[in-house]
Amino acid sequence: MSTDLRAAEGREARELLHFVTQETRFAILGNILQHPEQLPSMYELEQLNPSVSDATVYKHVQKLIDAGVVEAVALDEDDRRQGYPWKFYGLTDEGRAFLEDHNVLAAEETLRQIYETISDKPDKMVKYENAPRPDRE
């Protein structure tokens, strides 16, 4: 699959749209969009998808990375703290543009509001949610 998402046209764009809207991958994209920093850790993604195994979440995140829709963003070694995550996952600029072009981001604000209502987060998830995140510039 091409990683030049902006140039995706016709059949290729339809295939990519079908790819990202597969149930688990679409849920992961929603999890990224609803996260307060739009950079959840793998643990947070796993917790937000309890109906699938951790290995399945990882596999689908990797597929989204390979497609150029999602990127792994690491905290600088000097900023890492023991007991906290240091690797996070967010949309690439190209991935965001592709999703915007295909009106997939229309519910972004609603997703954030839903995330704010989750009251039964495990303590570890709350801790990870508040972990330092890398700057994305």
Protein backbone atom coordinates (compact mmCIF):
# COMPACT_ATOMS: atom_id res chain seq x y z
CA MET A 1 0.00 0.00 0.00
CA SER A 2 1.37 3.41 -0.95
CA THR A 3 2.34 5.74 1.86
CA ASP A 4 1.73 8.81 -0.32
CA LEU A 5 -1.78 9.29 0.98
CA ARG A 6 -2.33 12.71 -0.55
CA ALA A 7 -1.77 11.28 -4.02
CA ALA A 8 -4.18 8.39 -3.49
CA GLU A 9 -6.79 8.56 -6.21
CA GLY A 10 -9.67 6.49 -7.48
CA ARG A 11 -9.36 2.80 -6.74
CA GLU A 12 -6.33 3.24 -4.47
CA ALA A 13 -8.17 5.81 -2.35
CA ARG A 14 -11.22 3.52 -2.10
CA GLU A 15 -8.99 0.63 -1.04
CA LEU A 16 -7.29 2.78 1.60
CA LEU A 17 -10.64 4.04 2.86
CA HIS A 18 -11.88 0.45 3.11
CA PHE A 19 -8.62 -0.48 4.88
CA VAL A 20 -8.89 2.25 7.55
CA THR A 21 -12.58 1.62 8.16
CA GLN A 22 -12.07 -2.05 9.00
CA GLU A 23 -13.69 -2.40 12.44
CA THR A 24 -10.61 -2.71 14.66
CA ARG A 25 -8.49 -0.21 12.73
CA PHE A 26 -11.36 2.29 12.68
CA ALA A 27 -11.79 1.87 16.46
CA ILE A 28 -8.06 2.52 16.95
CA LEU A 29 -8.25 5.66 14.81
CA GLY A 30 -11.21 6.77 16.94
CA ASN A 31 -9.18 6.09 20.10
CA ILE A 32 -6.35 8.24 18.80
CA LEU A 33 -8.72 11.07 17.89
CA GLN A 34 -10.54 11.01 21.22
CA HIS A 35 -7.42 10.92 23.36
CA PRO A 36 -6.78 14.28 25.10
CA GLU A 37 -3.36 14.59 23.42
CA GLN A 38 -4.24 12.48 20.37
CA LEU A 39 -1.18 10.40 21.30
CA PRO A 40 -2.24 7.33 23.28
CA SER A 41 0.24 4.71 24.40
CA MET A 42 -0.17 1.09 23.31
CA TYR A 43 -1.47 0.24 26.79
CA GLU A 44 -4.19 2.87 26.47
CA LEU A 45 -5.18 1.55 23.03
CA GLU A 46 -5.34 -1.98 24.45
CA GLN A 47 -7.53 -0.84 27.36
CA LEU A 48 -9.89 1.00 25.03
CA ASN A 49 -10.36 -2.15 22.93
CA PRO A 50 -11.15 -4.88 25.47
CA SER A 51 -12.99 -7.06 22.94
CA VAL A 52 -9.78 -7.80 21.01
CA SER A 53 -6.48 -9.21 22.20
CA ASP A 54 -3.49 -6.99 22.91
CA ALA A 55 -1.66 -8.72 20.06
CA THR A 56 -4.49 -7.85 17.66
CA VAL A 57 -4.42 -4.19 18.70
CA TYR A 58 -0.65 -4.12 18.16
CA LYS A 59 -1.00 -5.82 14.75
CA HIS A 60 -3.57 -3.31 13.55
CA VAL A 61 -1.59 -0.32 14.84
CA GLN A 62 1.40 -1.65 12.91
CA LYS A 63 -0.72 -1.99 9.76
CA LEU A 64 -1.84 1.63 10.14
CA ILE A 65 1.79 2.67 10.54
CA ASP A 66 2.80 0.68 7.45
CA ALA A 67 0.02 2.41 5.49
CA GLY A 68 1.30 5.83 6.55
CA VAL A 69 -1.86 6.78 8.44
CA VAL A 70 -0.42 6.49 11.96
CA GLU A 71 3.07 7.12 13.30
CA ALA A 72 4.87 6.03 16.43
CA VAL A 73 6.24 9.02 18.33
CA ALA A 74 8.86 8.47 21.01
CA LEU A 75 9.71 10.64 23.98
CA ASP A 76 13.33 11.83 24.03
CA GLU A 77 15.49 9.61 26.24
CA ASP A 78 16.16 12.54 28.60
CA ASP A 79 12.41 13.02 29.12
CA ARG A 80 11.54 9.38 29.83
CA ARG A 81 10.49 8.44 33.35
CA GLN A 82 10.54 4.98 34.86
CA GLY A 83 7.08 3.47 35.12
CA TYR A 84 5.63 5.66 32.35
CA PRO A 85 5.20 5.00 28.65
CA TRP A 86 7.65 6.56 26.21
CA LYS A 87 6.14 5.54 22.88
CA PHE A 88 2.87 6.93 21.60
CA TYR A 89 0.74 6.70 18.47
CA GLY A 90 -0.83 9.51 16.50
CA LEU A 91 -2.08 10.35 13.04
CA THR A 92 0.47 11.40 10.47
CA ASP A 93 -0.18 14.72 8.72
CA GLU A 94 -0.94 12.76 5.56
CA GLY A 95 -3.23 10.39 7.44
CA ARG A 96 -5.16 13.31 8.95
CA ALA A 97 -5.46 14.97 5.53
CA PHE A 98 -6.69 11.73 3.94
CA LEU A 99 -9.28 11.20 6.68
CA GLU A 100 -10.41 14.84 6.39
CA ASP A 101 -10.68 14.54 2.60
CA HIS A 102 -12.96 11.54 3.04
CA ASN A 103 -15.04 13.10 5.83
CA VAL A 104 -13.93 10.52 8.40
CA LEU A 105 -13.06 13.16 11.00
CA ALA A 106 -16.54 14.68 11.23
CA ALA A 107 -17.12 13.12 14.67
CA GLU A 108 -13.77 14.11 16.17
CA GLU A 109 -15.21 16.49 18.77
CA THR A 110 -17.95 14.01 19.72
CA LEU A 111 -15.30 11.31 20.21
CA ARG A 112 -13.42 13.59 22.59
CA GLN A 113 -16.57 14.29 24.57
CA ILE A 114 -17.32 10.57 24.84
CA TYR A 115 -13.78 9.90 26.05
CA GLU A 116 -14.20 12.49 28.80
CA THR A 117 -17.21 10.54 30.14
CA ILE A 118 -15.28 7.29 30.67
CA SER A 119 -15.29 7.00 34.46
CA ASP A 120 -14.06 3.45 35.07
CA LYS A 121 -10.50 3.79 33.76
CA PRO A 122 -7.96 1.65 35.61
CA ASP A 123 -5.48 3.65 37.71
CA LYS A 124 -2.65 2.65 35.38
CA MET A 125 -4.55 4.05 32.40
CA VAL A 126 -5.13 7.37 34.18
CA LYS A 127 -1.43 7.45 35.05
CA TYR A 128 -0.46 6.73 31.44
CA GLU A 129 -2.97 9.25 30.12
CA ASN A 130 -1.23 11.92 32.17
CA ALA A 131 2.29 10.83 31.21
CA PRO A 132 4.53 13.34 29.44
CA ARG A 133 4.12 13.32 25.67
CA PRO A 134 6.60 14.29 22.97
CA ASP A 135 6.13 17.52 21.04
CA ARG A 136 4.94 16.84 17.50
CA GLU A 137 6.40 19.55 15.33
